Amino acid sequence: MNKSLILFLGVIALSCSSSNEDQNLGLITDNAMVVSARVEASAIGSAVMQQGGNAFDAMVSTELALAVAYPFAGNIGGGGFMVYRTNEGTYGGIDYREKAPMSAHRDMYLDQDGNVIPGMSTKGATAIGVPGTLAGLFEVHEKFGSLPIEQLIQPVVDLAERGVVVTQRDVNSFSYYRDDLVEANGENSLYTKEYKVGDTIKNLAFANTLKRVIKNGRDEFYKGETAKILSKFVMDKGGYITEGDLAAYEAVWRQPVVFNYKDIKIISMSPPSSGGVTMNQIFKMIEPYNIGQYEHNSLEAIQLFTEAARRAYADRNYFLGDPDFADIPLDVLLSDTYLKERFDNFSFDAATPSSEVSRGTIQVVESDETTHYSIVDQFGNGVSVTTTLNGGFGSKLFCEELGIFLNNEMDDFSSKVGVPNMFGLIGAQANAIEPQKRMLSSMTPSIVEKDNELYAVVGTPGGSTIITAVAQTILNLYEFNMGMQEAVNAKRFHHQWLPDEIILEATGYSDELKAALEAKGYSIRQGRTRIIGKVDAIKRLKDGRLEAGADPRGDDAAVGF
């Protein structure tokens, strides 16, 4: 039996044997841990660290394994963000978000009457931005990696060749998106075939793509045979990605948004992620009110958080975009004076209608279905990574020759100022389409310090709900004294300014609480409500061990040693 396969199966057995019957207690390990959307990816990342690799090595393997095990959002045809904290206490972030192609322009998704053309920015080749995932992984490996790149990629090749076992959630997602997948790829594509639980899906084309990447490195995807295949495929389907677009792509190191909340420090991604800025505003607005004095998910706690989120999302939608293209007034947006004024009209007596909350008065010059994974290694390094194709299976377009789905990330731009995107988010000029510009994102990979030590690594998928899900998970840990798994399991809620409504997860909220909110003037979304995030997180316990929070809302799993 293949040595890497033996190690892979051994690590999965370790994770299973170490699991707890208590649903509120996550996997606890002594040294290192990966928490991701699929056990196969977590196991491969953990195995890399057992072989002496660090969290950054494990990032490469985990991310590529998710492209095999979780094609719904795992990818090399998309992009993402990573925030890190080293064992020496230094921190940083990398932006490998997709970019608009060089031929892109502000009105590319509008008809002759100036109206948005339905589906053009969400389905098929016209929706695809220039992918950044492999550029980001190679950049991280070059700066922080300790093991040879082939040692990190080969286990993923092995996984793609032996295949991934289909789960019930896989069957559900394939079924839900089947019509769109068939429309984009035909009935005989790898992921449009009818699968049942227990079937095995082998992605041999992706294995071959990765073999070329092992041989030729980063340039294989951006300048080599893969680049030629990818560009021709997209262009033949009517899209815009040229070989020149791929050759010009670069990942960018960025300074994270760092702020204190009481006695913890939160390190989160900066623009073009809106996560760090928006979460910073939320925390600073609620800080004077001591939310921990109220019961978890009580009327007062929900009011306080909702009103802060309402105001922060209003600012997000207007001011934030790609900092290489837009002048973003972060010094004002994050100032204590501005945020105090922003929250001055908050009252527990009644809701503040969103119609009365526009963007803040500042003068300026002008992703629902993602996946997240958290890693802490045996050396004390922490890595928080959120990566995406944007919608489920991205553009729905699957390149059979390469074995990859391609993103529909262009929808994260403001196709038309004031018109909502697929997540209901309304954008402004700062996020208008421009050539080689990165689109605004809600992805919020975050790391928390307490007493100058690593305290937690947190993140989630969920489009516009990402920011509120991450913020609530951190509050669950810190203000409501929950363990990591308990904090992840806890019911979540969401408000994003527009539409002016609170989304409550389907269960866990009493009719009395809903009635009390409505009596205060809050509108609650009725009927079927979406899952709000699938948080994958790690908490460092006082004795130095690690506790996982793997979200039961998905097939998410923690593996470690």
Protein backbone atom coordinates (compact mmCIF):
# COMPACT_ATOMS: atom_id res chain seq x y z
CA MET A 1 0.00 0.00 0.00
CA ASN A 2 1.19 3.54 -0.84
CA LYS A 3 3.04 5.09 2.13
CA SER A 4 1.12 8.36 1.87
CA LEU A 5 -2.17 6.42 1.79
CA ILE A 6 -1.21 4.51 4.95
CA LEU A 7 -0.47 7.80 6.69
CA PHE A 8 -3.70 9.32 5.35
CA LEU A 9 -5.84 6.45 6.65
CA GLY A 10 -3.97 6.43 9.96
CA VAL A 11 -4.62 10.10 10.56
CA ILE A 12 -8.34 9.70 9.75
CA ALA A 13 -8.48 6.82 12.23
CA LEU A 14 -6.81 9.05 14.82
CA SER A 15 -9.36 11.79 14.26
CA CYS A 16 -12.26 9.35 14.57
CA SER A 17 -10.93 7.63 17.67
CA SER A 18 -10.30 11.00 19.35
CA SER A 19 -13.79 12.37 18.72
CA ASN A 20 -16.10 13.10 21.63
CA GLU A 21 -19.69 12.01 22.18
CA ASP A 22 -20.41 15.42 23.73
CA GLN A 23 -21.65 17.47 20.77
CA ASN A 24 -20.46 20.65 22.48
CA LEU A 25 -16.86 19.46 22.80
CA GLY A 26 -14.68 19.43 19.74
CA LEU A 27 -11.68 17.26 18.92
CA ILE A 28 -8.80 18.08 21.28
CA THR A 29 -5.20 17.50 20.24
CA ASP A 30 -1.83 18.18 21.83
CA ASN A 31 0.19 19.60 18.97
CA ALA A 32 -1.42 20.54 15.66
CA MET A 33 -4.76 20.62 13.90
CA VAL A 34 -6.55 21.32 10.63
CA VAL A 35 -10.29 22.05 10.50
CA SER A 36 -11.86 22.19 7.04
CA ALA A 37 -14.96 21.36 5.04
CA ARG A 38 -13.93 17.74 4.44
CA VAL A 39 -12.10 15.12 6.46
CA GLU A 40 -9.95 14.16 3.44
CA ALA A 41 -8.50 17.67 3.21
CA SER A 42 -8.02 18.02 6.97
CA ALA A 43 -6.26 14.65 7.08
CA ILE A 44 -3.86 15.51 4.27
CA GLY A 45 -2.99 18.84 5.89
CA SER A 46 -2.46 17.21 9.27
CA ALA A 47 -0.30 14.49 7.73
CA VAL A 48 1.96 17.15 6.20
CA MET A 49 2.55 18.61 9.67
CA GLN A 50 3.19 15.14 11.11
CA GLN A 51 5.91 14.81 8.48
CA GLY A 52 7.57 17.93 9.89
CA GLY A 53 5.85 20.56 7.78
CA ASN A 54 4.46 23.77 9.20
CA ALA A 55 1.04 25.44 8.94
CA PHE A 56 1.99 27.14 5.68
CA ASP A 57 2.96 23.80 4.10
CA ALA A 58 -0.32 22.37 5.35
CA MET A 59 -2.17 25.31 3.78
CA VAL A 60 -0.93 24.30 0.31
CA SER A 61 -2.00 20.67 0.72
CA THR A 62 -5.32 21.42 2.41
CA GLU A 63 -6.40 23.98 -0.17
CA LEU A 64 -5.61 21.73 -3.12
CA ALA A 65 -7.27 18.75 -1.42
CA LEU A 66 -10.46 20.78 -1.00
CA ALA A 67 -10.54 21.24 -4.78
CA VAL A 68 -10.84 17.45 -5.00
CA ALA A 69 -12.96 16.64 -1.97
CA TYR A 70 -15.20 19.71 -1.97
CA PRO A 71 -15.64 20.94 -5.56
CA PHE A 72 -18.66 22.98 -4.43
CA ALA A 73 -16.21 25.65 -3.24
CA GLY A 74 -12.68 24.21 -3.04
CA ASN A 75 -10.71 25.29 -6.05
CA ILE A 76 -7.77 26.32 -8.12
CA GLY A 77 -10.18 28.15 -10.42
CA GLY A 78 -11.01 30.84 -7.85
CA GLY A 79 -9.17 32.81 -5.21
CA GLY A 80 -9.06 33.79 -1.57
CA PHE A 81 -7.38 35.44 1.40
CA MET A 82 -5.08 34.19 4.14
CA VAL A 83 -4.23 35.79 7.47
CA TYR A 84 -1.36 34.36 9.53
CA ARG A 85 0.27 34.72 12.92
CA THR A 86 3.73 33.23 13.43
CA ASN A 87 4.95 31.66 16.65
CA GLU A 88 7.01 34.82 17.15
CA GLY A 89 3.85 36.96 17.22
CA THR A 90 4.29 38.58 13.81
CA TYR A 91 1.30 38.65 11.50
CA GLY A 92 0.30 39.44 7.95
CA GLY A 93 -2.04 38.55 5.13
CA ILE A 94 -2.04 37.64 1.47
CA ASP A 95 -4.63 38.58 -1.13
CA TYR A 96 -5.02 36.08 -3.96
CA ARG A 97 -8.47 37.30 -4.88
CA GLU A 98 -9.50 36.99 -8.53
CA LYS A 99 -9.11 40.00 -10.83
CA ALA A 100 -11.19 41.41 -13.65
CA PRO A 101 -9.74 40.60 -17.10
CA MET A 102 -8.03 43.36 -19.05
CA SER A 103 -11.00 43.65 -21.41
CA ALA A 104 -13.44 44.29 -18.54
CA HIS A 105 -15.24 47.60 -18.22
CA ARG A 106 -17.82 49.23 -15.98
CA ASP A 107 -20.88 48.52 -18.14
CA MET A 108 -19.97 45.04 -19.41
CA TYR A 109 -23.04 43.41 -17.84
CA LEU A 110 -25.57 46.06 -18.92
CA ASP A 111 -27.88 45.97 -21.92
CA GLN A 112 -28.41 48.88 -24.33
CA ASP A 113 -30.93 50.39 -21.92
CA GLY A 114 -28.47 50.32 -19.05
CA ASN A 115 -30.11 47.41 -17.21
CA VAL A 116 -28.22 44.45 -15.73
CA ILE A 117 -28.41 41.40 -18.04
CA PRO A 118 -29.68 38.51 -15.86
CA GLY A 119 -27.18 35.68 -15.38
CA MET A 120 -24.31 37.24 -17.32
CA SER A 121 -22.21 37.88 -14.19
CA THR A 122 -23.26 34.67 -12.43
CA LYS A 123 -23.33 31.81 -14.96
CA GLY A 124 -20.97 30.60 -17.63
CA ALA A 125 -17.76 31.95 -19.09
CA THR A 126 -18.73 35.63 -18.96
CA ALA A 127 -18.83 35.46 -15.14
CA ILE A 128 -15.23 34.29 -14.67
CA GLY A 129 -12.51 36.42 -13.07
CA VAL A 130 -8.78 35.67 -13.41
CA PRO A 131 -8.06 32.89 -10.84
CA GLY A 132 -5.56 33.56 -8.07
CA THR A 133 -5.46 30.41 -5.93
CA LEU A 134 -2.27 28.78 -7.22
CA ALA A 135 -0.42 32.10 -7.29
CA GLY A 136 -1.33 32.60 -3.63
CA LEU A 137 -0.27 29.11 -2.59
CA PHE A 138 3.10 29.35 -4.33
CA GLU A 139 3.70 32.81 -2.87
CA VAL A 140 3.00 31.51 0.65
CA HIS A 141 5.19 28.47 0.10
CA GLU A 142 8.07 30.55 -1.20
CA LYS A 143 7.98 32.82 1.86
CA PHE A 144 7.16 30.38 4.67
CA GLY A 145 7.19 26.79 3.37
CA SER A 146 9.60 24.22 4.76
CA LEU A 147 8.91 21.07 2.73
CA PRO A 148 9.42 20.59 -1.03
CA ILE A 149 6.37 21.55 -3.10
CA GLU A 150 6.10 18.07 -4.62
CA GLN A 151 5.77 16.57 -1.12
CA LEU A 152 2.79 18.88 -0.53
CA ILE A 153 1.01 18.30 -3.83
CA GLN A 154 1.59 14.56 -4.38
CA PRO A 155 -0.88 13.46 -1.65
CA VAL A 156 -3.55 15.50 -3.45
CA VAL A 157 -2.70 13.81 -6.74
CA ASP A 158 -3.12 10.47 -4.95
CA LEU A 159 -6.47 11.58 -3.54
CA ALA A 160 -7.75 12.67 -6.95
CA GLU A 161 -6.69 9.35 -8.48
CA ARG A 162 -8.17 7.07 -5.80
CA GLY A 163 -11.28 9.24 -5.51
CA VAL A 164 -13.54 10.78 -2.90
CA VAL A 165 -16.55 9.00 -1.41
CA VAL A 166 -19.84 10.80 -2.00
CA THR A 167 -21.73 11.94 1.12
CA GLN A 168 -25.42 12.75 1.52
CA ARG A 169 -24.61 16.45 1.46
CA ASP A 170 -22.73 15.93 -1.82
CA VAL A 171 -25.80 14.24 -3.29
CA ASN A 172 -27.96 17.12 -2.11
CA SER A 173 -25.73 19.80 -3.65
CA PHE A 174 -25.30 17.94 -6.93
CA SER A 175 -29.06 17.53 -7.11
CA TYR A 176 -29.78 21.16 -6.22
CA TYR A 177 -27.45 22.53 -8.89
CA ARG A 178 -27.94 19.75 -11.45
CA ASP A 179 -29.94 21.76 -13.98
CA ASP A 180 -27.38 24.58 -13.96
CA LEU A 181 -24.47 22.14 -14.19
CA VAL A 182 -26.08 20.30 -17.10
CA GLU A 183 -26.85 23.57 -18.87
CA ALA A 184 -23.18 24.60 -18.56
CA ASN A 185 -21.47 21.26 -19.20
CA GLY A 186 -23.89 18.69 -20.65
CA GLU A 187 -25.10 15.47 -19.09
CA ASN A 188 -21.86 13.51 -19.39
CA SER A 189 -19.61 15.83 -17.39
CA LEU A 190 -17.85 14.45 -14.32
CA TYR A 191 -20.13 16.26 -11.88
CA THR A 192 -23.42 16.02 -13.78
CA LYS A 193 -23.60 12.25 -13.59
CA GLU A 194 -26.14 10.82 -11.15
CA TYR A 195 -24.31 9.94 -7.91
CA LYS A 196 -25.56 8.22 -4.78
CA VAL A 197 -24.14 8.05 -1.27
CA GLY A 198 -21.10 5.78 -1.16
CA ASP A 199 -20.09 6.26 -4.80
CA THR A 200 -16.51 7.28 -5.52
CA ILE A 201 -15.61 10.23 -7.76
CA LYS A 202 -12.13 10.17 -9.29
CA ASN A 203 -10.89 13.41 -10.86
CA LEU A 204 -8.08 12.09 -13.06
CA ALA A 205 -7.87 15.25 -15.14
CA PHE A 206 -7.16 17.31 -12.04
CA ALA A 207 -4.51 14.81 -10.98
CA ASN A 208 -2.80 15.34 -14.35
CA THR A 209 -3.03 19.11 -14.00
CA LEU A 210 -1.35 18.91 -10.60
CA LYS A 211 1.38 16.63 -11.99
CA ARG A 212 2.25 19.36 -14.49
CA VAL A 213 2.24 21.91 -11.66
CA ILE A 214 4.66 19.73 -9.65
CA LYS A 215 6.95 19.58 -12.67
CA ASN A 216 6.73 23.20 -13.85
CA GLY A 217 5.72 25.17 -10.76
CA ARG A 218 3.49 28.23 -10.58
CA ASP A 219 4.10 29.18 -14.20
CA GLU A 220 2.37 26.03 -15.39
CA PHE A 221 -0.98 27.54 -14.47
CA TYR A 222 -0.24 31.11 -15.53
CA LYS A 223 2.07 30.75 -18.53
CA GLY A 224 2.33 27.07 -19.44
CA GLU A 225 0.20 24.39 -21.09
CA THR A 226 -2.49 24.72 -18.43
CA ALA A 227 -2.77 28.47 -19.08
CA LYS A 228 -3.23 27.84 -22.80
CA ILE A 229 -5.89 25.18 -22.20
CA LEU A 230 -7.71 27.34 -19.66
CA SER A 231 -7.74 30.51 -21.75
CA LYS A 232 -8.87 28.71 -24.91
CA PHE A 233 -11.64 26.95 -22.99
CA VAL A 234 -12.98 30.18 -21.49
CA MET A 235 -12.69 32.19 -24.71
CA ASP A 236 -14.36 29.45 -26.77
CA LYS A 237 -17.28 29.61 -24.31
CA GLY A 238 -17.63 33.35 -24.80
CA GLY A 239 -15.61 34.53 -21.80
CA TYR A 240 -12.84 37.09 -21.46
CA ILE A 241 -9.80 35.40 -19.83
CA THR A 242 -6.79 35.59 -22.18
CA GLU A 243 -3.32 34.09 -21.81
CA GLY A 244 -2.18 37.64 -21.12
CA ASP A 245 -4.61 37.95 -18.22
CA LEU A 246 -3.20 34.80 -16.66
CA ALA A 247 0.42 35.79 -17.25
CA ALA A 248 -0.15 39.18 -15.60
CA TYR A 249 -1.74 37.83 -12.39
CA GLU A 250 0.12 38.32 -9.11
CA ALA A 251 -0.92 37.68 -5.51
CA VAL A 252 -0.39 40.62 -3.14
CA TRP A 253 0.81 40.67 0.48
CA ARG A 254 -1.34 43.06 2.53
CA GLN A 255 -1.30 44.43 6.06
CA PRO A 256 -4.28 43.00 7.97
CA VAL A 257 -6.83 45.05 9.88
CA VAL A 258 -5.78 44.78 13.53
CA PHE A 259 -7.85 46.07 16.44
CA ASN A 260 -8.39 45.53 20.14
CA TYR A 261 -11.70 44.57 21.70
CA LYS A 262 -11.39 44.80 25.48
CA ASP A 263 -8.34 42.62 26.21
CA ILE A 264 -8.22 40.58 22.99
CA LYS A 265 -6.60 41.53 19.70
CA ILE A 266 -8.32 40.59 16.44
CA ILE A 267 -6.31 40.23 13.23
CA SER A 268 -8.45 40.06 10.10
CA MET A 269 -8.23 40.61 6.37
CA SER A 270 -8.04 44.09 4.89
CA PRO A 271 -9.61 45.36 1.63
CA PRO A 272 -10.48 44.13 -0.93
CA SER A 273 -11.91 41.96 1.83
CA SER A 274 -14.56 43.91 3.67
CA GLY A 275 -14.43 41.51 6.61
CA GLY A 276 -11.82 43.09 8.85
CA VAL A 277 -13.09 46.65 8.47
CA THR A 278 -16.76 45.76 8.93
CA MET A 279 -16.07 43.50 11.91
CA ASN A 280 -13.85 46.18 13.46
CA GLN A 281 -16.71 48.66 13.23
CA ILE A 282 -19.21 46.19 14.73
CA PHE A 283 -16.97 45.36 17.70
CA LYS A 284 -16.11 48.98 18.43
CA MET A 285 -19.76 50.05 18.34
CA ILE A 286 -20.89 47.35 20.77
CA GLU A 287 -17.83 47.50 23.08
CA PRO A 288 -19.19 50.21 25.46
CA TYR A 289 -22.38 48.20 26.05
CA ASN A 290 -20.76 45.05 27.52
CA ILE A 291 -22.80 42.54 25.49
CA GLY A 292 -21.65 39.71 27.79
CA GLN A 293 -23.97 40.95 30.55
CA TYR A 294 -26.95 39.75 28.52
CA GLU A 295 -27.91 36.15 27.84
CA HIS A 296 -26.61 34.65 24.62
CA ASN A 297 -29.01 35.39 21.72
CA SER A 298 -31.28 37.33 24.07
CA LEU A 299 -33.42 40.21 22.84
CA GLU A 300 -30.87 42.78 24.02
CA ALA A 301 -27.85 40.94 22.57
CA ILE A 302 -29.53 40.52 19.18
CA GLN A 303 -30.62 44.17 19.13
CA LEU A 304 -27.17 45.45 19.99
CA PHE A 305 -25.37 43.33 17.42
CA THR A 306 -27.97 43.92 14.71
CA GLU A 307 -27.84 47.70 15.02
CA ALA A 308 -24.04 47.72 14.86
CA ALA A 309 -24.10 45.40 11.83
CA ARG A 310 -26.73 47.57 10.12
CA ARG A 311 -24.49 50.62 10.29
CA ALA A 312 -21.27 48.79 9.45
CA TYR A 313 -22.75 47.12 6.34
CA ALA A 314 -24.07 50.49 5.14
CA ASP A 315 -20.49 51.80 5.22
CA ARG A 316 -19.12 48.57 3.71
CA ASN A 317 -21.36 48.78 0.69
CA TYR A 318 -20.40 52.35 -0.15
CA PHE A 319 -16.79 52.91 0.83
CA LEU A 320 -14.99 49.58 0.35
CA GLY A 321 -13.35 48.13 -2.76
CA ASP A 322 -9.92 47.25 -4.13
CA PRO A 323 -7.43 49.57 -2.34
CA ASP A 324 -5.27 49.60 -5.47
CA PHE A 325 -8.13 51.37 -7.30
CA ALA A 326 -10.24 53.12 -4.64
CA ASP A 327 -9.29 55.66 -1.98
CA ILE A 328 -10.68 54.04 1.20
CA PRO A 329 -10.82 56.34 4.26
CA LEU A 330 -9.91 53.65 6.81
CA ASP A 331 -8.43 56.15 9.25
CA VAL A 332 -11.86 57.79 9.56
CA LEU A 333 -14.06 54.69 9.21
CA LEU A 334 -12.23 52.98 12.08
CA SER A 335 -11.77 56.00 14.36
CA ASP A 336 -13.39 55.99 17.80
CA THR A 337 -14.95 59.41 17.18
CA TYR A 338 -16.61 58.36 13.93
CA LEU A 339 -17.95 55.09 15.33
CA LYS A 340 -19.31 56.75 18.46
CA GLU A 341 -21.20 59.24 16.29
CA ARG A 342 -22.36 56.40 14.04
CA PHE A 343 -23.97 54.62 17.00
CA ASP A 344 -25.29 57.67 18.86
CA ASN A 345 -28.87 57.11 17.74
CA PHE A 346 -28.97 53.46 18.89
CA SER A 347 -31.66 52.67 21.45
CA PHE A 348 -32.90 49.44 23.01
CA ASP A 349 -36.38 50.94 22.77
CA ALA A 350 -36.82 50.46 19.02
CA ALA A 351 -35.13 49.41 15.79
CA THR A 352 -33.43 52.05 13.65
CA PRO A 353 -34.93 51.53 10.17
CA SER A 354 -32.27 51.05 7.48
CA SER A 355 -33.99 53.83 5.52
CA GLU A 356 -32.65 56.15 8.23
CA VAL A 357 -29.13 54.68 8.14
CA SER A 358 -27.24 55.69 5.03
CA ARG A 359 -23.49 55.63 4.70
CA GLY A 360 -21.58 57.74 7.19
CA THR A 361 -20.83 61.35 6.35
CA ILE A 362 -17.33 61.09 4.92
CA GLN A 363 -16.00 62.93 1.90
CA VAL A 364 -14.03 60.58 -0.36
CA VAL A 365 -12.44 60.56 -3.75
CA GLU A 366 -13.69 57.95 -5.64
CA SER A 367 -18.85 35.01 -2.13
CA ASP A 368 -21.95 32.86 -0.78
CA GLU A 369 -20.54 29.75 -1.23
CA THR A 370 -16.97 29.84 -0.06
CA THR A 371 -15.00 27.46 2.10
CA HIS A 372 -12.76 28.14 5.08
CA TYR A 373 -10.08 26.20 6.89
CA SER A 374 -8.07 26.90 10.04
CA ILE A 375 -4.65 25.49 10.87
CA VAL A 376 -2.40 25.58 13.93
CA ASP A 377 0.91 23.71 13.77
CA GLN A 378 3.15 22.13 16.39
CA PHE A 379 5.41 25.18 16.26
CA GLY A 380 2.67 27.62 17.26
CA ASN A 381 1.97 29.18 13.87
CA GLY A 382 -1.66 29.91 12.99
CA VAL A 383 -3.18 30.21 9.53
CA SER A 384 -6.72 31.32 8.69
CA VAL A 385 -7.77 30.89 5.05
CA THR A 386 -11.02 31.56 3.22
CA THR A 387 -11.19 30.63 -0.45
CA THR A 388 -14.02 30.70 -2.96
CA LEU A 389 -15.55 30.15 -6.37
CA ASN A 390 -18.25 32.62 -5.23
CA GLY A 391 -21.53 30.78 -5.95
CA GLY A 392 -21.92 27.04 -5.45
CA PHE A 393 -19.70 25.39 -8.12
CA GLY A 394 -18.84 28.96 -9.20
CA SER A 395 -19.88 29.76 -12.76
CA LYS A 396 -21.02 26.10 -13.01
CA LEU A 397 -18.56 25.80 -15.89
CA PHE A 398 -16.26 22.77 -15.51
CA CYS A 399 -13.16 22.36 -17.67
CA GLU A 400 -13.03 18.61 -18.29
CA GLU A 401 -9.48 18.72 -19.66
CA LEU A 402 -8.14 20.36 -16.49
CA GLY A 403 -10.61 18.89 -13.98
CA ILE A 404 -11.54 22.25 -12.44
CA PHE A 405 -14.58 24.42 -11.83
CA LEU A 406 -14.22 28.11 -12.63
CA ASN A 407 -15.43 31.00 -10.50
CA ASN A 408 -18.29 33.46 -11.05
CA GLU A 409 -16.48 36.11 -9.07
CA MET A 410 -17.29 38.97 -11.44
CA ASP A 411 -20.70 39.14 -9.73
CA ASP A 412 -18.96 40.50 -6.62
CA PHE A 413 -18.35 43.76 -8.46
CA SER A 414 -21.11 46.36 -8.64
CA SER A 415 -22.46 45.47 -12.09
CA LYS A 416 -24.51 48.61 -11.74
CA VAL A 417 -24.20 51.04 -8.83
CA GLY A 418 -27.17 50.57 -6.48
CA VAL A 419 -28.30 47.20 -7.89
CA PRO A 420 -27.92 44.20 -5.55
CA ASN A 421 -25.74 41.20 -6.43
CA MET A 422 -26.60 37.52 -5.88
CA PHE A 423 -26.20 37.96 -2.10
CA GLY A 424 -28.41 41.05 -1.93
CA LEU A 425 -25.41 43.31 -1.34
CA ILE A 426 -25.62 46.74 -2.93
CA GLY A 427 -22.38 48.28 -4.12
CA ALA A 428 -21.14 51.70 -5.11
CA GLN A 429 -18.49 53.28 -7.31
CA ALA A 430 -15.62 52.01 -5.15
CA ASN A 431 -16.48 48.48 -6.30
CA ALA A 432 -17.33 49.25 -9.94
CA ILE A 433 -15.74 47.04 -12.60
CA GLU A 434 -12.32 48.07 -13.93
CA PRO A 435 -9.63 46.08 -15.80
CA GLN A 436 -7.37 44.05 -13.46
CA LYS A 437 -9.28 45.25 -10.39
CA ARG A 438 -10.07 42.91 -7.53
CA MET A 439 -13.72 42.64 -6.53
CA LEU A 440 -14.89 43.39 -3.00
CA SER A 441 -15.36 40.35 -0.78
CA SER A 442 -17.01 39.45 2.53
CA MET A 443 -14.42 36.76 3.31
CA THR A 444 -13.17 37.27 6.87
CA PRO A 445 -10.29 34.93 7.79
CA SER A 446 -9.34 35.98 11.33
CA ILE A 447 -6.94 35.23 14.16
CA VAL A 448 -7.48 36.26 17.78
CA GLU A 449 -4.77 36.96 20.37
CA LYS A 450 -5.26 37.04 24.13
CA ASP A 451 -2.49 37.93 26.58
CA ASN A 452 -0.10 38.18 23.60
CA GLU A 453 -0.67 34.50 22.81
CA LEU A 454 -2.56 32.77 20.02
CA TYR A 455 -6.15 32.40 21.25
CA ALA A 456 -8.25 31.35 18.24
CA VAL A 457 -8.24 30.89 14.46
CA VAL A 458 -11.66 31.52 12.95
CA GLY A 459 -13.42 31.83 9.59
CA THR A 460 -16.39 30.66 7.56
CA PRO A 461 -18.03 30.58 4.14
CA GLY A 462 -21.43 32.17 3.64
CA GLY A 463 -21.34 35.18 1.31
CA SER A 464 -22.61 38.31 3.01
CA THR A 465 -23.24 36.38 6.25
CA ILE A 466 -19.53 35.61 6.71
CA ILE A 467 -18.74 38.74 8.70
CA THR A 468 -21.57 38.36 11.20
CA ALA A 469 -20.91 34.62 11.63
CA VAL A 470 -17.22 35.18 12.41
CA ALA A 471 -17.97 38.07 14.77
CA GLN A 472 -20.62 36.08 16.65
CA THR A 473 -18.30 33.08 16.99
CA ILE A 474 -15.60 35.28 18.53
CA LEU A 475 -18.17 36.81 20.90
CA ASN A 476 -19.39 33.33 21.82
CA LEU A 477 -15.86 32.39 22.86
CA TYR A 478 -14.93 35.57 24.64
CA GLU A 479 -18.12 37.15 25.98
CA PHE A 480 -20.29 34.07 26.50
CA ASN A 481 -17.50 31.74 27.74
CA MET A 482 -18.17 28.93 25.30
CA GLY A 483 -15.77 26.25 24.20
CA MET A 484 -14.77 26.20 20.54
CA GLN A 485 -17.21 23.56 19.34
CA GLU A 486 -20.01 25.05 21.42
CA ALA A 487 -19.30 28.48 19.94
CA VAL A 488 -19.49 27.04 16.42
CA ASN A 489 -22.67 25.06 17.12
CA ALA A 490 -24.53 28.05 18.59
CA LYS A 491 -27.41 29.46 16.55
CA ARG A 492 -26.58 32.52 14.49
CA PHE A 493 -28.45 35.50 13.06
CA HIS A 494 -27.68 38.08 10.40
CA HIS A 495 -28.47 41.63 9.32
CA GLN A 496 -26.74 43.46 6.45
CA TRP A 497 -28.47 46.88 6.26
CA LEU A 498 -30.42 46.02 3.10
CA PRO A 499 -32.75 44.20 2.90
CA ASP A 500 -33.89 45.55 6.28
CA GLU A 501 -34.59 42.22 7.96
CA ILE A 502 -33.07 39.90 10.52
CA ILE A 503 -32.34 36.37 9.34
CA LEU A 504 -32.58 33.84 12.18
CA GLU A 505 -31.43 30.26 11.70
CA ALA A 506 -34.41 27.95 11.33
CA THR A 507 -34.38 26.48 14.83
CA GLY A 508 -33.30 27.69 18.24
CA TYR A 509 -35.28 30.92 18.48
CA SER A 510 -38.54 30.98 20.44
CA ASP A 511 -41.76 32.51 19.19
CA GLU A 512 -41.65 34.80 22.23
CA LEU A 513 -38.26 36.19 21.19
CA LYS A 514 -39.43 36.73 17.62
CA ALA A 515 -42.53 38.53 18.86
CA ALA A 516 -40.42 40.73 21.12
CA LEU A 517 -38.15 41.69 18.20
CA GLU A 518 -41.12 42.51 16.00
CA ALA A 519 -42.62 44.62 18.76
CA LYS A 520 -39.41 46.68 18.71
CA GLY A 521 -39.85 47.27 14.98
CA TYR A 522 -37.60 44.55 13.54
CA SER A 523 -38.63 42.63 10.44
CA ILE A 524 -37.82 38.93 10.59
CA ARG A 525 -37.43 36.89 7.43
CA GLN A 526 -40.20 34.34 7.32
CA GLY A 527 -40.23 30.89 5.73
CA ARG A 528 -37.14 28.86 4.87
CA THR A 529 -33.94 30.50 6.10
CA ARG A 530 -30.43 29.80 4.91
CA ILE A 531 -27.58 28.34 6.92
CA ILE A 532 -25.54 31.24 8.28
CA GLY A 533 -21.95 30.20 7.76
CA LYS A 534 -20.13 26.93 8.33
CA VAL A 535 -17.46 28.00 10.79
CA ASP A 536 -14.23 26.02 11.04
CA ALA A 537 -12.13 27.21 13.95
CA ILE A 538 -9.47 26.29 16.50
CA LYS A 539 -9.06 27.53 20.07
CA ARG A 540 -5.84 27.24 22.03
CA LEU A 541 -6.70 26.09 25.54
CA LYS A 542 -4.96 27.38 28.67
CA ASP A 543 -2.81 24.23 28.88
CA GLY A 544 -1.63 24.71 25.28
CA ARG A 545 -3.75 21.98 23.74
CA LEU A 546 -6.04 22.74 20.81
CA GLU A 547 -9.83 22.42 20.61
CA ALA A 548 -11.56 22.23 17.25
CA GLY A 549 -14.82 23.73 16.18
CA ALA A 550 -15.93 21.84 13.06
CA ASP A 551 -19.33 23.05 11.91
CA PRO A 552 -22.04 20.35 12.05
CA ARG A 553 -23.97 22.32 9.40
CA GLY A 554 -21.70 20.62 6.84
CA ASP A 555 -19.41 17.60 6.45
CA ASP A 556 -16.70 19.65 8.16
CA ALA A 557 -14.07 17.76 10.15
CA ALA A 558 -11.05 18.32 12.35
CA VAL A 559 -7.91 16.18 12.19
CA GLY A 560 -4.79 16.59 14.28
CA PHE A 561 -2.23 14.99 16.52
